Amino acid sequence: MGAETPMQGLIESAKNGQLSVSFNDNVYVNVEEFVLIERDCEAMKDQIKLYQGLARDISNREVWGLGDRSDWIISTPDLVGKFRSKAQGDPGGNDVHSILQKHWEIVDGIQQLHREIANRYQQADAEFAAKYTELMASVPQGFQGKQ
């Protein structure tokens, strides 16, 4: 098994039926929210991958327009190197691409956790399972962030 990801402990607890929540009379499980969380997590992960591609493109850029084609500006290679490594490739992982990867892993963990909880509800509640299956088949595509 690879390195533990964010939320891995909660996901494993949910898989094993060990995750519990106490509800009072004012709280209910909303099937639609599970479906929207699934959709929005997937859309967010797609956006993160898009931004990672931009960071990769910036890092691989050949001409920066900072005098990097001029031999007489001796600091340009260092400056361009710093920009490249901040986009992608910083040895300490303090670059845009790596930070976005951490965000992707967190969103993926949230998505997995909600999937496991939804699976447990489906196993225990036929009405929830039917509604969840119906809504997942017609889930609207795309991220619709809340303002």
N, C-alpha and C. Protein backbone atom coordinates (compact mmCIF):
# COMPACT_ATOMS: atom_id res chain seq x y z
N MET A 1 0.85 -1.18 0.00
CA MET A 1 0.00 0.00 0.00
C MET A 1 0.89 1.23 0.00
N GLY A 2 0.50 2.29 -0.75
CA GLY A 2 1.30 3.49 -0.88
C GLY A 2 1.22 4.36 0.36
N ALA A 3 1.73 5.55 0.23
CA ALA A 3 1.71 6.50 1.33
C ALA A 3 0.27 6.84 1.70
N GLU A 4 0.04 7.07 2.96
CA GLU A 4 -1.30 7.40 3.41
C GLU A 4 -1.67 8.79 2.89
N THR A 5 -2.87 8.89 2.37
CA THR A 5 -3.35 10.14 1.81
C THR A 5 -4.22 10.86 2.84
N PRO A 6 -4.49 12.15 2.60
CA PRO A 6 -5.38 12.86 3.53
C PRO A 6 -6.72 12.14 3.60
N MET A 7 -7.27 12.04 4.77
CA MET A 7 -8.58 11.44 5.01
C MET A 7 -8.57 9.92 4.94
N GLN A 8 -7.41 9.30 4.72
CA GLN A 8 -7.35 7.84 4.56
C GLN A 8 -7.91 7.12 5.78
N GLY A 9 -7.61 7.61 6.96
CA GLY A 9 -8.13 6.98 8.17
C GLY A 9 -9.65 7.02 8.24
N LEU A 10 -10.24 8.16 7.89
CA LEU A 10 -11.70 8.27 7.89
C LEU A 10 -12.32 7.39 6.82
N ILE A 11 -11.68 7.31 5.66
CA ILE A 11 -12.19 6.47 4.57
C ILE A 11 -12.20 5.01 5.00
N GLU A 12 -11.10 4.56 5.62
CA GLU A 12 -11.03 3.18 6.08
C GLU A 12 -12.08 2.91 7.16
N SER A 13 -12.28 3.87 8.06
CA SER A 13 -13.30 3.72 9.09
C SER A 13 -14.69 3.59 8.47
N ALA A 14 -14.95 4.41 7.44
CA ALA A 14 -16.25 4.34 6.77
C ALA A 14 -16.43 2.99 6.07
N LYS A 15 -15.37 2.50 5.41
CA LYS A 15 -15.44 1.20 4.74
C LYS A 15 -15.76 0.09 5.73
N ASN A 16 -15.22 0.19 6.91
CA ASN A 16 -15.39 -0.85 7.93
C ASN A 16 -16.63 -0.64 8.80
N GLY A 17 -17.39 0.41 8.49
CA GLY A 17 -18.60 0.67 9.27
C GLY A 17 -18.33 1.20 10.65
N GLN A 18 -17.16 1.79 10.85
CA GLN A 18 -16.77 2.29 12.16
C GLN A 18 -16.95 3.79 12.32
N LEU A 19 -17.37 4.46 11.25
CA LEU A 19 -17.57 5.90 11.29
C LEU A 19 -19.01 6.15 11.67
N SER A 20 -19.26 6.95 12.69
CA SER A 20 -20.63 7.18 13.09
C SER A 20 -20.84 8.65 13.42
N VAL A 21 -22.09 9.05 13.32
CA VAL A 21 -22.51 10.41 13.63
C VAL A 21 -23.79 10.31 14.41
N SER A 22 -23.93 11.15 15.42
CA SER A 22 -25.17 11.17 16.18
C SER A 22 -26.06 12.27 15.62
N PHE A 23 -27.29 11.92 15.23
CA PHE A 23 -28.24 12.88 14.70
C PHE A 23 -29.28 13.20 15.76
N ASN A 24 -29.81 14.42 15.70
CA ASN A 24 -30.98 14.72 16.51
C ASN A 24 -32.18 14.82 15.58
N ASP A 25 -33.33 15.24 16.08
CA ASP A 25 -34.54 15.27 15.26
C ASP A 25 -34.49 16.30 14.14
N ASN A 26 -33.57 17.25 14.18
CA ASN A 26 -33.50 18.32 13.19
C ASN A 26 -32.57 18.00 12.03
N VAL A 27 -31.92 16.86 12.02
CA VAL A 27 -30.95 16.53 10.99
C VAL A 27 -31.44 15.32 10.21
N TYR A 28 -31.30 15.40 8.87
CA TYR A 28 -31.65 14.26 8.05
C TYR A 28 -30.61 14.12 6.94
N VAL A 29 -30.56 12.97 6.34
CA VAL A 29 -29.61 12.69 5.27
C VAL A 29 -30.26 13.09 3.95
N ASN A 30 -29.59 13.98 3.22
CA ASN A 30 -30.10 14.49 1.96
C ASN A 30 -29.35 13.80 0.82
N VAL A 31 -30.02 12.94 0.08
CA VAL A 31 -29.41 12.18 -1.02
C VAL A 31 -28.81 13.14 -2.05
N GLU A 32 -29.53 14.21 -2.36
CA GLU A 32 -29.07 15.15 -3.38
C GLU A 32 -27.70 15.73 -3.03
N GLU A 33 -27.47 15.98 -1.76
CA GLU A 33 -26.18 16.54 -1.34
C GLU A 33 -25.02 15.58 -1.64
N PHE A 34 -25.25 14.29 -1.47
CA PHE A 34 -24.20 13.32 -1.79
C PHE A 34 -23.87 13.36 -3.28
N VAL A 35 -24.89 13.47 -4.11
CA VAL A 35 -24.70 13.52 -5.56
C VAL A 35 -23.97 14.80 -5.95
N LEU A 36 -24.37 15.92 -5.37
CA LEU A 36 -23.72 17.20 -5.69
C LEU A 36 -22.27 17.23 -5.22
N ILE A 37 -22.00 16.63 -4.07
CA ILE A 37 -20.63 16.55 -3.60
C ILE A 37 -19.78 15.73 -4.57
N GLU A 38 -20.33 14.63 -5.04
CA GLU A 38 -19.62 13.80 -6.03
C GLU A 38 -19.31 14.60 -7.28
N ARG A 39 -20.33 15.26 -7.81
CA ARG A 39 -20.15 16.06 -9.03
C ARG A 39 -19.12 17.18 -8.83
N ASP A 40 -19.26 17.92 -7.74
CA ASP A 40 -18.39 19.07 -7.53
C ASP A 40 -16.96 18.66 -7.21
N CYS A 41 -16.78 17.55 -6.51
CA CYS A 41 -15.41 17.06 -6.26
C CYS A 41 -14.75 16.68 -7.58
N GLU A 42 -15.48 16.01 -8.44
CA GLU A 42 -14.92 15.61 -9.73
C GLU A 42 -14.57 16.84 -10.56
N ALA A 43 -15.45 17.84 -10.57
CA ALA A 43 -15.18 19.07 -11.31
C ALA A 43 -13.98 19.81 -10.74
N MET A 44 -13.86 19.84 -9.42
CA MET A 44 -12.72 20.52 -8.79
C MET A 44 -11.42 19.81 -9.13
N LYS A 45 -11.43 18.50 -9.12
CA LYS A 45 -10.23 17.74 -9.47
C LYS A 45 -9.85 18.01 -10.93
N ASP A 46 -10.84 18.13 -11.81
CA ASP A 46 -10.55 18.47 -13.21
C ASP A 46 -9.91 19.84 -13.32
N GLN A 47 -10.42 20.82 -12.56
CA GLN A 47 -9.85 22.16 -12.59
C GLN A 47 -8.41 22.17 -12.06
N ILE A 48 -8.17 21.42 -11.01
CA ILE A 48 -6.82 21.34 -10.45
C ILE A 48 -5.86 20.77 -11.49
N LYS A 49 -6.27 19.72 -12.19
CA LYS A 49 -5.42 19.15 -13.24
C LYS A 49 -5.17 20.17 -14.36
N LEU A 50 -6.17 20.96 -14.69
CA LEU A 50 -6.00 22.02 -15.69
C LEU A 50 -4.94 23.02 -15.23
N TYR A 51 -5.03 23.45 -13.98
CA TYR A 51 -4.05 24.40 -13.44
C TYR A 51 -2.66 23.78 -13.35
N GLN A 52 -2.60 22.49 -13.04
CA GLN A 52 -1.29 21.82 -13.04
C GLN A 52 -0.69 21.82 -14.44
N GLY A 53 -1.52 21.66 -15.45
CA GLY A 53 -1.03 21.72 -16.83
C GLY A 53 -0.48 23.10 -17.16
N LEU A 54 -1.15 24.13 -16.67
CA LEU A 54 -0.64 25.49 -16.88
C LEU A 54 0.71 25.68 -16.19
N ALA A 55 0.83 25.17 -14.98
CA ALA A 55 2.11 25.27 -14.26
C ALA A 55 3.20 24.53 -15.02
N ARG A 56 2.87 23.37 -15.55
CA ARG A 56 3.83 22.59 -16.33
C ARG A 56 4.24 23.37 -17.59
N ASP A 57 3.26 23.99 -18.26
CA ASP A 57 3.55 24.78 -19.45
C ASP A 57 4.46 25.96 -19.12
N ILE A 58 4.20 26.60 -18.00
CA ILE A 58 5.05 27.72 -17.58
C ILE A 58 6.47 27.23 -17.32
N SER A 59 6.58 26.12 -16.63
CA SER A 59 7.90 25.57 -16.31
C SER A 59 8.68 25.21 -17.57
N ASN A 60 7.97 24.72 -18.59
CA ASN A 60 8.63 24.29 -19.83
C ASN A 60 8.78 25.39 -20.86
N ARG A 61 8.35 26.58 -20.53
CA ARG A 61 8.42 27.70 -21.47
C ARG A 61 9.86 27.93 -21.91
N GLU A 62 10.05 28.11 -23.20
CA GLU A 62 11.40 28.29 -23.74
C GLU A 62 11.87 29.74 -23.64
N VAL A 63 11.03 30.67 -24.08
CA VAL A 63 11.40 32.09 -24.08
C VAL A 63 10.55 32.81 -23.05
N TRP A 64 11.20 33.52 -22.15
CA TRP A 64 10.51 34.19 -21.07
C TRP A 64 10.34 35.69 -21.32
N GLY A 65 11.11 36.26 -22.21
CA GLY A 65 11.01 37.69 -22.48
C GLY A 65 11.59 38.54 -21.37
N LEU A 66 12.51 37.99 -20.64
CA LEU A 66 13.15 38.71 -19.53
C LEU A 66 14.61 39.03 -19.85
N GLY A 67 14.91 39.01 -21.13
CA GLY A 67 16.30 39.19 -21.52
C GLY A 67 17.05 37.87 -21.53
N ASP A 68 16.31 36.77 -21.51
CA ASP A 68 16.93 35.46 -21.44
C ASP A 68 17.61 35.08 -22.75
N ARG A 69 17.43 35.85 -23.79
CA ARG A 69 18.13 35.61 -25.05
C ARG A 69 19.34 36.53 -25.21
N SER A 70 19.58 37.34 -24.19
CA SER A 70 20.71 38.28 -24.22
C SER A 70 21.84 37.77 -23.36
N ASP A 71 23.03 37.74 -23.92
CA ASP A 71 24.19 37.26 -23.18
C ASP A 71 24.65 38.25 -22.11
N TRP A 72 24.34 39.51 -22.27
CA TRP A 72 24.87 40.52 -21.36
C TRP A 72 24.08 40.64 -20.04
N ILE A 73 22.89 40.06 -19.94
CA ILE A 73 22.14 40.07 -18.67
C ILE A 73 22.44 38.75 -17.97
N ILE A 74 23.39 38.79 -17.06
CA ILE A 74 23.89 37.55 -16.46
C ILE A 74 22.97 36.95 -15.39
N SER A 75 22.05 37.75 -14.85
CA SER A 75 21.17 37.22 -13.80
C SER A 75 19.92 36.53 -14.36
N THR A 76 19.66 36.68 -15.64
CA THR A 76 18.45 36.12 -16.22
C THR A 76 18.35 34.60 -16.07
N PRO A 77 19.40 33.83 -16.33
CA PRO A 77 19.25 32.37 -16.15
C PRO A 77 18.83 31.98 -14.73
N ASP A 78 19.35 32.67 -13.73
CA ASP A 78 18.96 32.38 -12.35
C ASP A 78 17.49 32.72 -12.11
N LEU A 79 17.08 33.89 -12.62
CA LEU A 79 15.71 34.32 -12.44
C LEU A 79 14.74 33.36 -13.14
N VAL A 80 15.04 33.00 -14.36
CA VAL A 80 14.19 32.07 -15.11
C VAL A 80 14.17 30.71 -14.40
N GLY A 81 15.30 30.27 -13.90
CA GLY A 81 15.36 29.01 -13.17
C GLY A 81 14.47 29.03 -11.94
N LYS A 82 14.43 30.15 -11.24
CA LYS A 82 13.56 30.25 -10.05
C LYS A 82 12.09 30.22 -10.45
N PHE A 83 11.75 30.93 -11.53
CA PHE A 83 10.38 30.89 -12.01
C PHE A 83 9.99 29.47 -12.43
N ARG A 84 10.87 28.81 -13.13
CA ARG A 84 10.59 27.43 -13.57
C ARG A 84 10.34 26.52 -12.36
N SER A 85 11.22 26.61 -11.37
CA SER A 85 11.08 25.71 -10.23
C SER A 85 9.87 26.06 -9.36
N LYS A 86 9.43 27.31 -9.36
CA LYS A 86 8.23 27.66 -8.61
C LYS A 86 6.97 27.17 -9.32
N ALA A 87 7.04 27.05 -10.63
CA ALA A 87 5.90 26.50 -11.38
C ALA A 87 5.83 24.99 -11.19
N GLN A 88 6.98 24.33 -11.37
CA GLN A 88 7.05 22.88 -11.20
C GLN A 88 8.51 22.48 -11.03
N GLY A 89 8.77 21.67 -10.04
CA GLY A 89 10.10 21.11 -9.89
C GLY A 89 10.91 21.60 -8.72
N ASP A 90 10.29 22.34 -7.79
CA ASP A 90 11.03 22.76 -6.60
C ASP A 90 11.38 21.52 -5.78
N PRO A 91 12.66 21.35 -5.45
CA PRO A 91 13.08 20.13 -4.73
C PRO A 91 12.33 19.91 -3.41
N GLY A 92 11.90 20.98 -2.76
CA GLY A 92 11.19 20.85 -1.49
C GLY A 92 9.68 20.68 -1.65
N GLY A 93 9.22 20.62 -2.90
CA GLY A 93 7.79 20.47 -3.13
C GLY A 93 7.01 21.75 -2.92
N ASN A 94 7.73 22.88 -2.86
CA ASN A 94 7.08 24.17 -2.65
C ASN A 94 6.87 24.87 -3.99
N ASP A 95 6.26 24.16 -4.93
CA ASP A 95 5.97 24.73 -6.23
C ASP A 95 4.47 24.61 -6.50
N VAL A 96 3.98 25.36 -7.46
CA VAL A 96 2.55 25.40 -7.74
C VAL A 96 2.01 24.01 -8.07
N HIS A 97 2.70 23.28 -8.91
CA HIS A 97 2.24 21.96 -9.32
C HIS A 97 2.10 21.03 -8.12
N SER A 98 3.09 20.99 -7.25
CA SER A 98 3.06 20.10 -6.07
C SER A 98 1.98 20.51 -5.07
N ILE A 99 1.83 21.81 -4.88
CA ILE A 99 0.80 22.29 -3.95
C ILE A 99 -0.58 21.96 -4.48
N LEU A 100 -0.77 22.12 -5.78
CA LEU A 100 -2.05 21.75 -6.38
C LEU A 100 -2.30 20.25 -6.25
N GLN A 101 -1.24 19.45 -6.33
CA GLN A 101 -1.40 18.00 -6.16
C GLN A 101 -1.90 17.67 -4.76
N LYS A 102 -1.40 18.40 -3.77
CA LYS A 102 -1.88 18.19 -2.39
C LYS A 102 -3.37 18.54 -2.29
N HIS A 103 -3.76 19.63 -2.96
CA HIS A 103 -5.18 20.00 -2.97
C HIS A 103 -6.02 18.92 -3.66
N TRP A 104 -5.52 18.38 -4.77
CA TRP A 104 -6.22 17.32 -5.49
C TRP A 104 -6.43 16.12 -4.57
N GLU A 105 -5.40 15.76 -3.81
CA GLU A 105 -5.49 14.61 -2.91
C GLU A 105 -6.52 14.85 -1.81
N ILE A 106 -6.61 16.08 -1.32
CA ILE A 106 -7.61 16.39 -0.28
C ILE A 106 -9.02 16.28 -0.84
N VAL A 107 -9.24 16.88 -2.02
CA VAL A 107 -10.56 16.80 -2.65
C VAL A 107 -10.90 15.35 -2.96
N ASP A 108 -9.93 14.58 -3.45
CA ASP A 108 -10.16 13.17 -3.73
C ASP A 108 -10.52 12.42 -2.45
N GLY A 109 -9.87 12.75 -1.36
CA GLY A 109 -10.19 12.12 -0.08
C GLY A 109 -11.61 12.43 0.38
N ILE A 110 -12.02 13.68 0.21
CA ILE A 110 -13.39 14.07 0.56
C ILE A 110 -14.37 13.28 -0.30
N GLN A 111 -14.07 13.18 -1.59
CA GLN A 111 -14.93 12.45 -2.52
C GLN A 111 -15.02 10.97 -2.13
N GLN A 112 -13.89 10.36 -1.85
CA GLN A 112 -13.89 8.94 -1.47
C GLN A 112 -14.66 8.72 -0.18
N LEU A 113 -14.48 9.62 0.78
CA LEU A 113 -15.19 9.49 2.05
C LEU A 113 -16.70 9.55 1.83
N HIS A 114 -17.14 10.51 1.05
CA HIS A 114 -18.58 10.61 0.79
C HIS A 114 -19.11 9.42 0.00
N ARG A 115 -18.29 8.89 -0.90
CA ARG A 115 -18.70 7.68 -1.63
C ARG A 115 -18.90 6.51 -0.67
N GLU A 116 -17.96 6.35 0.25
CA GLU A 116 -18.07 5.25 1.21
C GLU A 116 -19.28 5.41 2.10
N ILE A 117 -19.53 6.64 2.55
CA ILE A 117 -20.70 6.88 3.39
C ILE A 117 -21.97 6.60 2.59
N ALA A 118 -22.00 7.07 1.33
CA ALA A 118 -23.16 6.81 0.47
C ALA A 118 -23.34 5.30 0.27
N ASN A 119 -22.24 4.58 0.08
CA ASN A 119 -22.33 3.12 -0.07
C ASN A 119 -22.93 2.47 1.16
N ARG A 120 -22.53 2.93 2.33
CA ARG A 120 -23.08 2.37 3.57
C ARG A 120 -24.57 2.66 3.68
N TYR A 121 -24.96 3.90 3.34
CA TYR A 121 -26.39 4.23 3.36
C TYR A 121 -27.16 3.36 2.38
N GLN A 122 -26.59 3.13 1.19
CA GLN A 122 -27.27 2.31 0.18
C GLN A 122 -27.46 0.88 0.67
N GLN A 123 -26.48 0.37 1.41
CA GLN A 123 -26.59 -0.98 1.95
C GLN A 123 -27.69 -1.07 3.01
N ALA A 124 -27.93 0.02 3.72
CA ALA A 124 -28.87 0.00 4.84
C ALA A 124 -30.25 0.54 4.49
N ASP A 125 -30.36 1.29 3.40
CA ASP A 125 -31.62 1.99 3.12
C ASP A 125 -31.94 1.89 1.63
N ALA A 126 -32.91 1.07 1.29
CA ALA A 126 -33.28 0.84 -0.12
C ALA A 126 -33.80 2.12 -0.78
N GLU A 127 -34.53 2.94 -0.03
CA GLU A 127 -35.06 4.19 -0.59
C GLU A 127 -33.91 5.14 -0.94
N PHE A 128 -32.94 5.25 -0.03
CA PHE A 128 -31.75 6.06 -0.30
C PHE A 128 -31.03 5.53 -1.53
N ALA A 129 -30.86 4.21 -1.60
CA ALA A 129 -30.13 3.59 -2.71
C ALA A 129 -30.82 3.88 -4.05
N ALA A 130 -32.13 3.76 -4.09
CA ALA A 130 -32.86 4.00 -5.34
C ALA A 130 -32.74 5.46 -5.77
N LYS A 131 -32.90 6.37 -4.83
CA LYS A 131 -32.82 7.81 -5.14
C LYS A 131 -31.39 8.18 -5.55
N TYR A 132 -30.41 7.63 -4.87
CA TYR A 132 -29.00 7.91 -5.19
C TYR A 132 -28.67 7.44 -6.61
N THR A 133 -29.09 6.22 -6.93
CA THR A 133 -28.83 5.67 -8.27
C THR A 133 -29.51 6.53 -9.34
N GLU A 134 -30.73 6.93 -9.08
CA GLU A 134 -31.48 7.77 -10.03
C GLU A 134 -30.78 9.11 -10.24
N LEU A 135 -30.38 9.75 -9.16
CA LEU A 135 -29.74 11.06 -9.27
C LEU A 135 -28.35 10.98 -9.89
N MET A 136 -27.60 9.93 -9.58
CA MET A 136 -26.26 9.78 -10.17
C MET A 136 -26.34 9.59 -11.68
N ALA A 137 -27.41 8.98 -12.16
CA ALA A 137 -27.57 8.76 -13.60
C ALA A 137 -27.84 10.06 -14.33
N SER A 138 -28.36 11.06 -13.63
CA SER A 138 -28.70 12.32 -14.29
C SER A 138 -27.97 13.52 -13.69
N VAL A 139 -26.85 13.27 -13.05
CA VAL A 139 -26.12 14.34 -12.38
C VAL A 139 -25.67 15.40 -13.40
N PRO A 140 -25.94 16.67 -13.10
CA PRO A 140 -25.48 17.73 -14.01
C PRO A 140 -23.95 17.79 -14.00
N GLN A 141 -23.37 18.08 -15.15
CA GLN A 141 -21.92 18.11 -15.27
C GLN A 141 -21.39 19.51 -15.00
N GLY A 142 -20.17 19.59 -14.52
CA GLY A 142 -19.50 20.87 -14.34
C GLY A 142 -19.57 21.40 -12.93
N PHE A 143 -18.56 22.15 -12.61
CA PHE A 143 -18.47 22.75 -11.29
C PHE A 143 -19.33 24.00 -11.23
N GLN A 144 -20.16 24.07 -10.22
CA GLN A 144 -20.97 25.27 -10.01
C GLN A 144 -20.68 25.75 -8.59
N GLY A 145 -19.58 26.44 -8.44
CA GLY A 145 -19.18 26.91 -7.13
C GLY A 145 -20.22 27.84 -6.53
N LYS A 146 -20.34 27.81 -5.24
CA LYS A 146 -21.30 28.68 -4.56
C LYS A 146 -20.66 30.04 -4.34
N GLN A 147 -21.42 31.08 -4.55
CA GLN A 147 -20.93 32.46 -4.40
C GLN A 147 -20.96 32.86 -2.95
